[in-house]
Structures are given as structure tokens and as C-alpha cells.
């Protein structure tokens, strides 16, 4: 069980074997992949989990490591993600590729 955190300010990506309480409380650190945990009861949850569950797409300006972590969180193997250029990862997994803006 691993957790991948991404710093939204610097693009730094950190992989840890367990959740980090310090990173969890900092607004600029986001979990981009990890096991799904049971959500606390709230208006934003349903029987499938929290409404915000899922990896967070990095910004185009984020470093390649952030895009690799995102690609892995979306189901691509780490070796395949590392073999692609940052531009190819953005083309494959960027928001425009999903039809979103």
C-alpha cells in the first residue's frame, strides 16, 4: 500500500508506504494516488465513496515526476509512464484529452 503526494507549489512528488499526518494537514500537498479509504459521512459522499475521489490532474507546468505519478494513478504502468516524454504524458492524460477544460 503506497501513497503518492504532490506539492502543488513545486511539483515535487513523494511516494510513502503510509499516510503522512504532516503532509495531510498542509494545503499545498495533495494525495495523487493511494488506496481508497472509507469516507466520513457527509453530504459529499455516497455509497461509492467521496465525490472528490480519484487522482488530481497536475498542471502543465508541473514537473515530469508529477505527470508520471498521475499516469500511474490512472492505470499506466510506471515503466511505460517513465518511457514517455512529459509532452506525451500531457497529451495522453491532460484535461483536454478528456474533453474537459
PDB file of N, CA and C in Angstrom:
ATOM      1  N   UNK A   1       0.863  -1.160   0.000  1.00  0.00           N
ATOM      2  CA  UNK A   1       0.000   0.000   0.000  1.00  0.00           C
ATOM      3  C   UNK A   1       0.913   1.227   0.000  1.00  0.00           C
ATOM      4  N   UNK A   2       0.822   2.048  -1.048  1.00  0.00           N
ATOM      5  CA  UNK A   2       1.637   3.257  -1.120  1.00  0.00           C
ATOM      6  C   UNK A   2       0.756   4.474  -1.357  1.00  0.00           C
ATOM      7  N   UNK A   3       1.252   5.610  -0.920  1.00  0.00           N
ATOM      8  CA  UNK A   3       0.583   6.886  -1.112  1.00  0.00           C
ATOM      9  C   UNK A   3       1.532   7.796  -1.877  1.00  0.00           C
ATOM     10  N   UNK A   4       1.025   8.465  -2.899  1.00  0.00           N
ATOM     11  CA  UNK A   4       1.827   9.398  -3.675  1.00  0.00           C
ATOM     12  C   UNK A   4       1.281  10.793  -3.415  1.00  0.00           C
ATOM     13  N   UNK A   5       2.135  11.665  -2.889  1.00  0.00           N
ATOM     14  CA  UNK A   5       1.784  13.059  -2.615  1.00  0.00           C
ATOM     15  C   UNK A   5       2.448  13.938  -3.663  1.00  0.00           C
ATOM     16  N   UNK A   6       1.768  15.037  -4.043  1.00  0.00           N
ATOM     17  CA  UNK A   6       2.340  16.020  -4.957  1.00  0.00           C
ATOM     18  C   UNK A   6       2.217  17.398  -4.344  1.00  0.00           C
ATOM     19  N   UNK A   7       3.313  18.147  -4.363  1.00  0.00           N
ATOM     20  CA  UNK A   7       3.312  19.523  -3.866  1.00  0.00           C
ATOM     21  C   UNK A   7       2.796  20.415  -4.991  1.00  0.00           C
ATOM     22  N   UNK A   8       1.683  21.090  -4.774  1.00  0.00           N
ATOM     23  CA  UNK A   8       1.068  21.915  -5.819  1.00  0.00           C
ATOM     24  C   UNK A   8       1.876  23.170  -6.113  1.00  0.00           C
ATOM     25  N   UNK A   9       2.789  23.555  -5.222  1.00  0.00           N
ATOM     26  CA  UNK A   9       3.630  24.733  -5.458  1.00  0.00           C
ATOM     27  C   UNK A   9       4.865  24.384  -6.281  1.00  0.00           C
ATOM     28  N   UNK A  10       5.498  23.278  -5.966  1.00  0.00           N
ATOM     29  CA  UNK A  10       6.780  22.941  -6.588  1.00  0.00           C
ATOM     30  C   UNK A  10       6.691  21.786  -7.581  1.00  0.00           C
ATOM     31  N   UNK A  11       5.627  20.993  -7.508  1.00  0.00           N
ATOM     32  CA  UNK A  11       5.511  19.818  -8.364  1.00  0.00           C
ATOM     33  C   UNK A  11       6.248  18.604  -7.818  1.00  0.00           C
ATOM     34  N   UNK A  12       6.921  18.749  -6.675  1.00  0.00           N
ATOM     35  CA  UNK A  12       7.640  17.628  -6.077  1.00  0.00           C
ATOM     36  C   UNK A  12       6.676  16.489  -5.802  1.00  0.00           C
ATOM     37  N   UNK A  13       7.114  15.262  -6.092  1.00  0.00           N
ATOM     38  CA  UNK A  13       6.304  14.079  -5.854  1.00  0.00           C
ATOM     39  C   UNK A  13       7.029  13.197  -4.848  1.00  0.00           C
ATOM     40  N   UNK A  14       6.289  12.718  -3.833  1.00  0.00           N
ATOM     41  CA  UNK A  14       6.848  11.870  -2.787  1.00  0.00           C
ATOM     42  C   UNK A  14       5.989  10.620  -2.683  1.00  0.00           C
ATOM     43  N   UNK A  15       6.626   9.454  -2.678  1.00  0.00           N
ATOM     44  CA  UNK A  15       5.930   8.181  -2.501  1.00  0.00           C
ATOM     45  C   UNK A  15       6.256   7.634  -1.126  1.00  0.00           C
ATOM     46  N   UNK A  16       5.210   7.338  -0.351  1.00  0.00           N
ATOM     47  CA  UNK A  16       5.375   6.840   1.016  1.00  0.00           C
ATOM     48  C   UNK A  16       4.589   5.552   1.202  1.00  0.00           C
ATOM     49  N   UNK A  17       5.019   4.730   2.142  1.00  0.00           N
ATOM     50  CA  UNK A  17       4.339   3.464   2.429  1.00  0.00           C
ATOM     51  C   UNK A  17       3.071   3.647   3.259  1.00  0.00           C
ATOM     52  N   UNK A  18       2.921   4.799   3.896  1.00  0.00           N
ATOM     53  CA  UNK A  18       1.719   5.082   4.688  1.00  0.00           C
ATOM     54  C   UNK A  18       1.415   6.569   4.617  1.00  0.00           C
ATOM     55  N   UNK A  19       0.219   6.941   5.010  1.00  0.00           N
ATOM     56  CA  UNK A  19      -0.150   8.362   5.006  1.00  0.00           C
ATOM     57  C   UNK A  19       0.749   9.123   5.959  1.00  0.00           C
ATOM     58  N   UNK A  20       1.026  10.372   5.613  1.00  0.00           N
ATOM     59  CA  UNK A  20       1.863  11.228   6.441  1.00  0.00           C
ATOM     60  C   UNK A  20       0.994  12.315   7.047  1.00  0.00           C
ATOM     61  N   UNK A  21       0.860  12.309   8.378  1.00  0.00           N
ATOM     62  CA  UNK A  21      -0.017  13.264   9.063  1.00  0.00           C
ATOM     63  C   UNK A  21       0.425  14.707   8.815  1.00  0.00           C
ATOM     64  N   UNK A  22       1.719  14.933   8.704  1.00  0.00           N
ATOM     65  CA  UNK A  22       2.209  16.301   8.456  1.00  0.00           C
ATOM     66  C   UNK A  22       1.821  16.783   7.062  1.00  0.00           C
ATOM     67  N   UNK A  23       2.010  15.940   6.057  1.00  0.00           N
ATOM     68  CA  UNK A  23       1.650  16.334   4.695  1.00  0.00           C
ATOM     69  C   UNK A  23       0.134  16.469   4.538  1.00  0.00           C
ATOM     70  N   UNK A  24      -0.621  15.645   5.259  1.00  0.00           N
ATOM     71  CA  UNK A  24      -2.081  15.694   5.163  1.00  0.00           C
ATOM     72  C   UNK A  24      -2.655  17.042   5.596  1.00  0.00           C
ATOM     73  N   UNK A  25      -2.014  17.730   6.526  1.00  0.00           N
ATOM     74  CA  UNK A  25      -2.572  18.987   7.020  1.00  0.00           C
ATOM     75  C   UNK A  25      -2.102  20.198   6.215  1.00  0.00           C
ATOM     76  N   UNK A  26      -1.118  20.017   5.348  1.00  0.00           N
ATOM     77  CA  UNK A  26      -0.623  21.126   4.549  1.00  0.00           C
ATOM     78  C   UNK A  26      -1.439  21.266   3.266  1.00  0.00           C
ATOM     79  N   UNK A  27      -1.940  22.473   2.986  1.00  0.00           N
ATOM     80  CA  UNK A  27      -2.800  22.706   1.827  1.00  0.00           C
ATOM     81  C   UNK A  27      -2.104  22.472   0.498  1.00  0.00           C
ATOM     82  N   UNK A  28      -0.789  22.643   0.440  1.00  0.00           N
ATOM     83  CA  UNK A  28      -0.095  22.522  -0.835  1.00  0.00           C
ATOM     84  C   UNK A  28       0.316  21.088  -1.171  1.00  0.00           C
ATOM     85  N   UNK A  29       0.089  20.125  -0.284  1.00  0.00           N
ATOM     86  CA  UNK A  29       0.387  18.720  -0.565  1.00  0.00           C
ATOM     87  C   UNK A  29      -0.921  17.969  -0.810  1.00  0.00           C
ATOM     88  N   UNK A  30      -1.013  17.312  -1.956  1.00  0.00           N
ATOM     89  CA  UNK A  30      -2.209  16.565  -2.339  1.00  0.00           C
ATOM     90  C   UNK A  30      -1.852  15.101  -2.545  1.00  0.00           C
ATOM     91  N   UNK A  31      -2.745  14.210  -2.169  1.00  0.00           N
ATOM     92  CA  UNK A  31      -2.554  12.795  -2.471  1.00  0.00           C
ATOM     93  C   UNK A  31      -3.020  12.590  -3.906  1.00  0.00           C
ATOM     94  N   UNK A  32      -2.104  12.162  -4.778  1.00  0.00           N
ATOM     95  CA  UNK A  32      -2.472  11.935  -6.170  1.00  0.00           C
ATOM     96  C   UNK A  32      -2.782  10.472  -6.441  1.00  0.00           C
ATOM     97  N   UNK A  33      -2.347   9.572  -5.549  1.00  0.00           N
ATOM     98  CA  UNK A  33      -2.778   8.183  -5.641  1.00  0.00           C
ATOM     99  C   UNK A  33      -2.557   7.506  -4.299  1.00  0.00           C
ATOM    100  N   UNK A  34      -3.347   6.494  -4.072  1.00  0.00           N
ATOM    101  CA  UNK A  34      -3.277   5.739  -2.830  1.00  0.00           C
ATOM    102  C   UNK A  34      -4.532   4.913  -2.693  1.00  0.00           C
ATOM    103  N   UNK A  35      -4.565   4.037  -1.714  1.00  0.00           N
ATOM    104  CA  UNK A  35      -5.761   3.220  -1.509  1.00  0.00           C
ATOM    105  C   UNK A  35      -6.956   4.084  -1.125  1.00  0.00           C
ATOM    106  N   UNK A  36      -8.116   3.671  -1.541  1.00  0.00           N
ATOM    107  CA  UNK A  36      -9.339   4.398  -1.198  1.00  0.00           C
ATOM    108  C   UNK A  36      -9.706   4.032   0.226  1.00  0.00           C
ATOM    109  N   UNK A  37      -9.929   5.042   1.042  1.00  0.00           N
ATOM    110  CA  UNK A  37     -10.289   4.819   2.427  1.00  0.00           C
ATOM    111  C   UNK A  37     -11.762   5.126   2.627  1.00  0.00           C
ATOM    112  N   UNK A  38     -12.403   4.478   3.596  1.00  0.00           N
ATOM    113  CA  UNK A  38     -13.803   4.786   3.855  1.00  0.00           C
ATOM    114  C   UNK A  38     -13.970   6.267   4.186  1.00  0.00           C
ATOM    115  N   UNK A  39     -14.958   6.892   3.584  1.00  0.00           N
ATOM    116  CA  UNK A  39     -15.185   8.319   3.799  1.00  0.00           C
ATOM    117  C   UNK A  39     -16.066   8.528   5.021  1.00  0.00           C
ATOM    118  N   UNK A  40     -15.828   9.627   5.694  1.00  0.00           N
ATOM    119  CA  UNK A  40     -16.702  10.016   6.795  1.00  0.00           C
ATOM    120  C   UNK A  40     -18.039  10.442   6.204  1.00  0.00           C
ATOM    121  N   UNK A  41     -19.095  10.261   6.939  1.00  0.00           N
ATOM    122  CA  UNK A  41     -20.417  10.625   6.448  1.00  0.00           C
ATOM    123  C   UNK A  41     -20.497  12.138   6.244  1.00  0.00           C
ATOM    124  N   UNK A  42     -20.920  12.529   5.052  1.00  0.00           N
ATOM    125  CA  UNK A  42     -21.118  13.943   4.749  1.00  0.00           C
ATOM    126  C   UNK A  42     -22.018  14.048   3.529  1.00  0.00           C
ATOM    127  N   UNK A  43     -22.387  15.269   3.182  1.00  0.00           N
ATOM    128  CA  UNK A  43     -23.219  15.491   2.007  1.00  0.00           C
ATOM    129  C   UNK A  43     -22.489  15.162   0.721  1.00  0.00           C
ATOM    130  N   UNK A  44     -21.150  15.147   0.748  1.00  0.00           N
ATOM    131  CA  UNK A  44     -20.367  14.931  -0.454  1.00  0.00           C
ATOM    132  C   UNK A  44     -20.008  13.465  -0.677  1.00  0.00           C
ATOM    133  N   UNK A  45     -20.588  12.543   0.093  1.00  0.00           N
ATOM    134  CA  UNK A  45     -20.276  11.137  -0.091  1.00  0.00           C
ATOM    135  C   UNK A  45     -21.542  10.378  -0.444  1.00  0.00           C
ATOM    136  N   UNK A  46     -21.330   9.242  -1.080  1.00  0.00           N
ATOM    137  CA  UNK A  46     -22.422   8.309  -1.328  1.00  0.00           C
ATOM    138  C   UNK A  46     -21.870   6.910  -1.116  1.00  0.00           C
ATOM    139  N   UNK A  47     -22.611   5.891  -1.509  1.00  0.00           N
ATOM    140  CA  UNK A  47     -22.154   4.543  -1.239  1.00  0.00           C
ATOM    141  C   UNK A  47     -20.896   4.165  -2.016  1.00  0.00           C
ATOM    142  N   UNK A  48     -20.517   4.930  -3.040  1.00  0.00           N
ATOM    143  CA  UNK A  48     -19.309   4.622  -3.799  1.00  0.00           C
ATOM    144  C   UNK A  48     -18.083   5.346  -3.261  1.00  0.00           C
ATOM    145  N   UNK A  49     -18.234   6.236  -2.289  1.00  0.00           N
ATOM    146  CA  UNK A  49     -17.092   6.932  -1.704  1.00  0.00           C
ATOM    147  C   UNK A  49     -17.222   8.422  -1.863  1.00  0.00           C
ATOM    148  N   UNK A  50     -16.157   9.155  -1.521  1.00  0.00           N
ATOM    149  CA  UNK A  50     -16.217  10.606  -1.598  1.00  0.00           C
ATOM    150  C   UNK A  50     -16.350  11.097  -3.036  1.00  0.00           C
ATOM    151  N   UNK A  51     -17.052  12.208  -3.200  1.00  0.00           N
ATOM    152  CA  UNK A  51     -17.260  12.762  -4.532  1.00  0.00           C
ATOM    153  C   UNK A  51     -15.950  13.190  -5.162  1.00  0.00           C
ATOM    154  N   UNK A  52     -14.938  13.523  -4.369  1.00  0.00           N
ATOM    155  CA  UNK A  52     -13.668  14.000  -4.896  1.00  0.00           C
ATOM    156  C   UNK A  52     -12.634  12.881  -5.047  1.00  0.00           C
ATOM    157  N   UNK A  53     -13.049  11.621  -4.912  1.00  0.00           N
ATOM    158  CA  UNK A  53     -12.100  10.518  -5.015  1.00  0.00           C
ATOM    159  C   UNK A  53     -11.503  10.462  -6.406  1.00  0.00           C
ATOM    160  N   UNK A  54     -10.262  10.062  -6.471  1.00  0.00           N
ATOM    161  CA  UNK A  54      -9.588   9.934  -7.746  1.00  0.00           C
ATOM    162  C   UNK A  54      -8.359  10.814  -7.798  1.00  0.00           C
ATOM    163  N   UNK A  55      -7.475  10.510  -8.724  1.00  0.00           N
ATOM    164  CA  UNK A  55      -6.248  11.292  -8.826  1.00  0.00           C
ATOM    165  C   UNK A  55      -6.514  12.705  -9.314  1.00  0.00           C
ATOM    166  N   UNK A  56      -5.666  13.623  -8.891  1.00  0.00           N
ATOM    167  CA  UNK A  56      -5.777  15.027  -9.283  1.00  0.00           C
ATOM    168  C   UNK A  56      -4.820  15.277 -10.439  1.00  0.00           C
ATOM    169  N   UNK A  57      -5.346  15.794 -11.550  1.00  0.00           N
ATOM    170  CA  UNK A  57      -4.523  16.059 -12.727  1.00  0.00           C
ATOM    171  C   UNK A  57      -3.533  17.182 -12.421  1.00  0.00           C
ATOM    172  N   UNK A  58      -2.244  16.964 -12.696  1.00  0.00           N
ATOM    173  CA  UNK A  58      -1.262  18.023 -12.457  1.00  0.00           C
ATOM    174  C   UNK A  58      -1.433  19.174 -13.445  1.00  0.00           C
ATOM    175  N   UNK A  59      -0.876  20.307 -13.102  1.00  0.00           N
ATOM    176  CA  UNK A  59      -0.866  21.445 -14.015  1.00  0.00           C
ATOM    177  C   UNK A  59       0.198  21.198 -15.081  1.00  0.00           C
ATOM    178  N   UNK A  60       0.028  21.808 -16.252  1.00  0.00           N
ATOM    179  CA  UNK A  60       1.012  21.617 -17.322  1.00  0.00           C
ATOM    180  C   UNK A  60       2.406  22.037 -16.895  1.00  0.00           C
ATOM    181  N   UNK A  61       2.510  23.002 -15.998  1.00  0.00           N
ATOM    182  CA  UNK A  61       3.813  23.477 -15.536  1.00  0.00           C
ATOM    183  C   UNK A  61       4.475  22.583 -14.505  1.00  0.00           C
ATOM    184  N   UNK A  62       3.742  21.579 -13.993  1.00  0.00           N
ATOM    185  CA  UNK A  62       4.330  20.663 -13.016  1.00  0.00           C
ATOM    186  C   UNK A  62       5.413  19.821 -13.687  1.00  0.00           C
ATOM    187  N   UNK A  63       6.321  19.277 -12.875  1.00  0.00           N
ATOM    188  CA  UNK A  63       7.433  18.513 -13.444  1.00  0.00           C
ATOM    189  C   UNK A  63       6.978  17.146 -13.959  1.00  0.00           C
ATOM    190  N   UNK A  64       7.875  16.485 -14.680  1.00  0.00           N
ATOM    191  CA  UNK A  64       7.547  15.196 -15.285  1.00  0.00           C
ATOM    192  C   UNK A  64       7.183  14.155 -14.230  1.00  0.00           C
ATOM    193  N   UNK A  65       7.835  14.206 -13.054  1.00  0.00           N
ATOM    194  CA  UNK A  65       7.541  13.240 -11.994  1.00  0.00           C
ATOM    195  C   UNK A  65       6.079  13.310 -11.562  1.00  0.00           C
ATOM    196  N   UNK A  66       5.517  14.507 -11.527  1.00  0.00           N
ATOM    197  CA  UNK A  66       4.107  14.658 -11.167  1.00  0.00           C
ATOM    198  C   UNK A  66       3.224  14.013 -12.230  1.00  0.00           C
ATOM    199  N   UNK A  67       3.596  14.184 -13.493  1.00  0.00           N
ATOM    200  CA  UNK A  67       2.818  13.574 -14.583  1.00  0.00           C
ATOM    201  C   UNK A  67       2.960  12.056 -14.587  1.00  0.00           C
ATOM    202  N   UNK A  68       4.143  11.551 -14.239  1.00  0.00           N
ATOM    203  CA  UNK A  68       4.327  10.100 -14.141  1.00  0.00           C
ATOM    204  C   UNK A  68       3.445   9.545 -13.026  1.00  0.00           C
ATOM    205  N   UNK A  69       3.453  10.193 -11.871  1.00  0.00           N
ATOM    206  CA  UNK A  69       2.623   9.741 -10.751  1.00  0.00           C
ATOM    207  C   UNK A  69       1.149   9.751 -11.130  1.00  0.00           C
ATOM    208  N   UNK A  70       0.732  10.778 -11.863  1.00  0.00           N
ATOM    209  CA  UNK A  70      -0.667  10.867 -12.293  1.00  0.00           C
ATOM    210  C   UNK A  70      -1.003   9.752 -13.285  1.00  0.00           C
ATOM    211  N   UNK A  71      -0.110   9.501 -14.241  1.00  0.00           N
ATOM    212  CA  UNK A  71      -0.343   8.443 -15.227  1.00  0.00           C
ATOM    213  C   UNK A  71      -0.459   7.084 -14.538  1.00  0.00           C
ATOM    214  N   UNK A  72       0.405   6.846 -13.546  1.00  0.00           N
ATOM    215  CA  UNK A  72       0.355   5.589 -12.792  1.00  0.00           C
ATOM    216  C   UNK A  72      -0.965   5.502 -12.024  1.00  0.00           C
ATOM    217  N   UNK A  73      -1.391   6.610 -11.438  1.00  0.00           N
ATOM    218  CA  UNK A  73      -2.665   6.629 -10.698  1.00  0.00           C
ATOM    219  C   UNK A  73      -3.846   6.377 -11.635  1.00  0.00           C
ATOM    220  N   UNK A  74      -3.682   6.714 -12.900  1.00  0.00           N
ATOM    221  CA  UNK A  74      -4.747   6.495 -13.890  1.00  0.00           C
ATOM    222  C   UNK A  74      -4.682   5.109 -14.519  1.00  0.00           C
ATOM    223  N   UNK A  75      -3.693   4.302 -14.130  1.00  0.00           N
ATOM    224  CA  UNK A  75      -3.648   2.918 -14.588  1.00  0.00           C
ATOM    225  C   UNK A  75      -2.481   2.537 -15.481  1.00  0.00           C
ATOM    226  N   UNK A  76      -1.637   3.464 -15.879  1.00  0.00           N
ATOM    227  CA  UNK A  76      -0.489   3.147 -16.721  1.00  0.00           C
ATOM    228  C   UNK A  76       0.619   2.568 -15.845  1.00  0.00           C
ATOM    229  N   UNK A  77       1.378   1.635 -16.399  1.00  0.00           N
ATOM    230  CA  UNK A  77       2.496   1.087 -15.626  1.00  0.00           C
ATOM    231  C   UNK A  77       3.563   2.165 -15.462  1.00  0.00           C
ATOM    232  N   UNK A  78       4.290   2.092 -14.354  1.00  0.00           N
ATOM    233  CA  UNK A  78       5.308   3.108 -14.077  1.00  0.00           C
ATOM    234  C   UNK A  78       6.396   3.103 -15.146  1.00  0.00           C
ATOM    235  N   UNK A  79       6.786   1.915 -15.613  1.00  0.00           N
ATOM    236  CA  UNK A  79       7.841   1.852 -16.633  1.00  0.00           C
ATOM    237  C   UNK A  79       7.377   2.481 -17.946  1.00  0.00           C
ATOM    238  N   UNK A  80       6.118   2.263 -18.319  1.00  0.00           N
ATOM    239  CA  UNK A  80       5.589   2.890 -19.537  1.00  0.00           C
ATOM    240  C   UNK A  80       5.507   4.403 -19.381  1.00  0.00           C
ATOM    241  N   UNK A  81       5.077   4.857 -18.209  1.00  0.00           N
ATOM    242  CA  UNK A  81       4.960   6.301 -17.969  1.00  0.00           C
ATOM    243  C   UNK A  81       6.329   6.966 -18.022  1.00  0.00           C
ATOM    244  N   UNK A  82       7.337   6.332 -17.434  1.00  0.00           N
ATOM    245  CA  UNK A  82       8.682   6.898 -17.446  1.00  0.00           C
ATOM    246  C   UNK A  82       9.276   6.943 -18.846  1.00  0.00           C
ATOM    247  N   UNK A  83       8.838   6.019 -19.706  1.00  0.00           N
ATOM    248  CA  UNK A  83       9.367   5.974 -21.070  1.00  0.00           C
ATOM    249  C   UNK A  83       8.828   7.110 -21.941  1.00  0.00           C
ATOM    250  N   UNK A  84       7.693   7.691 -21.562  1.00  0.00           N
ATOM    251  CA  UNK A  84       7.094   8.774 -22.337  1.00  0.00           C
ATOM    252  C   UNK A  84       7.697  10.117 -21.945  1.00  0.00           C
ATOM    253  N   UNK A  85       7.676  11.052 -22.878  1.00  0.00           N
ATOM    254  CA  UNK A  85       8.101  12.424 -22.562  1.00  0.00           C
ATOM    255  C   UNK A  85       6.990  13.109 -21.767  1.00  0.00           C
ATOM    256  N   UNK A  86       7.332  14.208 -21.131  1.00  0.00           N
ATOM    257  CA  UNK A  86       6.329  14.978 -20.389  1.00  0.00           C
ATOM    258  C   UNK A  86       5.222  15.433 -21.338  1.00  0.00           C
ATOM    259  N   UNK A  87       5.600  15.874 -22.534  1.00  0.00           N
ATOM    260  CA  UNK A  87       4.602  16.330 -23.513  1.00  0.00           C
ATOM    261  C   UNK A  87       3.647  15.201 -23.901  1.00  0.00           C
ATOM    262  N   UNK A  88       4.180  13.983 -24.048  1.00  0.00           N
ATOM    263  CA  UNK A  88       3.329  12.840 -24.390  1.00  0.00           C
ATOM    264  C   UNK A  88       2.387  12.493 -23.243  1.00  0.00           C
ATOM    265  N   UNK A  89       2.880  12.600 -22.005  1.00  0.00           N
ATOM    266  CA  UNK A  89       2.023  12.346 -20.843  1.00  0.00           C
ATOM    267  C   UNK A  89       0.895  13.377 -20.768  1.00  0.00           C
ATOM    268  N   UNK A  90       1.228  14.643 -21.042  1.00  0.00           N
ATOM    269  CA  UNK A  90       0.208  15.694 -21.026  1.00  0.00           C
ATOM    270  C   UNK A  90      -0.818  15.451 -22.128  1.00  0.00           C
ATOM    271  N   UNK A  91      -0.336  15.047 -23.292  1.00  0.00           N
ATOM    272  CA  UNK A  91      -1.257  14.768 -24.402  1.00  0.00           C
ATOM    273  C   UNK A  91      -2.193  13.608 -24.067  1.00  0.00           C
ATOM    274  N   UNK A  92      -1.631  12.581 -23.427  1.00  0.00           N
ATOM    275  CA  UNK A  92      -2.417  11.387 -23.097  1.00  0.00           C
ATOM    276  C   UNK A  92      -3.364  11.604 -21.918  1.00  0.00           C
ATOM    277  N   UNK A  93      -2.895  12.302 -20.871  1.00  0.00           N
ATOM    278  CA  UNK A  93      -3.644  12.383 -19.627  1.00  0.00           C
ATOM    279  C   UNK A  93      -4.093  13.785 -19.245  1.00  0.00           C
ATOM    280  N   UNK A  94      -3.746  14.786 -20.037  1.00  0.00           N
ATOM    281  CA  UNK A  94      -4.123  16.157 -19.715  1.00  0.00           C
ATOM    282  C   UNK A  94      -5.627  16.346 -19.783  1.00  0.00           C
ATOM    283  N   UNK A  95      -6.108  17.415 -19.189  1.00  0.00           N
ATOM    284  CA  UNK A  95      -7.542  17.681 -19.127  1.00  0.00           C
ATOM    285  C   UNK A  95      -8.172  17.776 -20.504  1.00  0.00           C
ATOM    286  N   UNK A  96      -7.452  18.350 -21.479  1.00  0.00           N
ATOM    287  CA  UNK A  96      -8.005  18.480 -22.831  1.00  0.00           C
ATOM    288  C   UNK A  96      -8.219  17.110 -23.483  1.00  0.00           C
ATOM    289  N   UNK A  97      -7.425  16.110 -23.082  1.00  0.00           N
ATOM    290  CA  UNK A  97      -7.581  14.771 -23.650  1.00  0.00           C
ATOM    291  C   UNK A  97      -8.908  14.151 -23.227  1.00  0.00           C
ATOM    292  N   UNK A  98      -9.446  14.577 -22.083  1.00  0.00           N
ATOM    293  CA  UNK A  98     -10.723  14.055 -21.592  1.00  0.00           C
ATOM    294  C   UNK A  98     -11.908  14.863 -22.096  1.00  0.00           C
ATOM    295  N   UNK A  99     -11.637  15.927 -22.828  1.00  0.00           N
ATOM    296  CA  UNK A  99     -12.715  16.800 -23.252  1.00  0.00           C
ATOM    297  C   UNK A  99     -13.089  17.823 -22.205  1.00  0.00           C
ATOM    298  N   UNK A 100     -12.313  17.855 -21.109  1.00  0.00           N
ATOM    299  CA  UNK A 100     -12.566  18.834 -20.054  1.00  0.00           C
ATOM    300  C   UNK A 100     -11.710  20.055 -20.302  1.00  0.00           C
ATOM    301  N   UNK A 101     -12.032  21.150 -19.641  1.00  0.00           N
ATOM    302  CA  UNK A 101     -11.222  22.350 -19.765  1.00  0.00           C
ATOM    303  C   UNK A 101     -10.903  22.943 -18.440  1.00  0.00           C
TER     304      UNK A 101
END
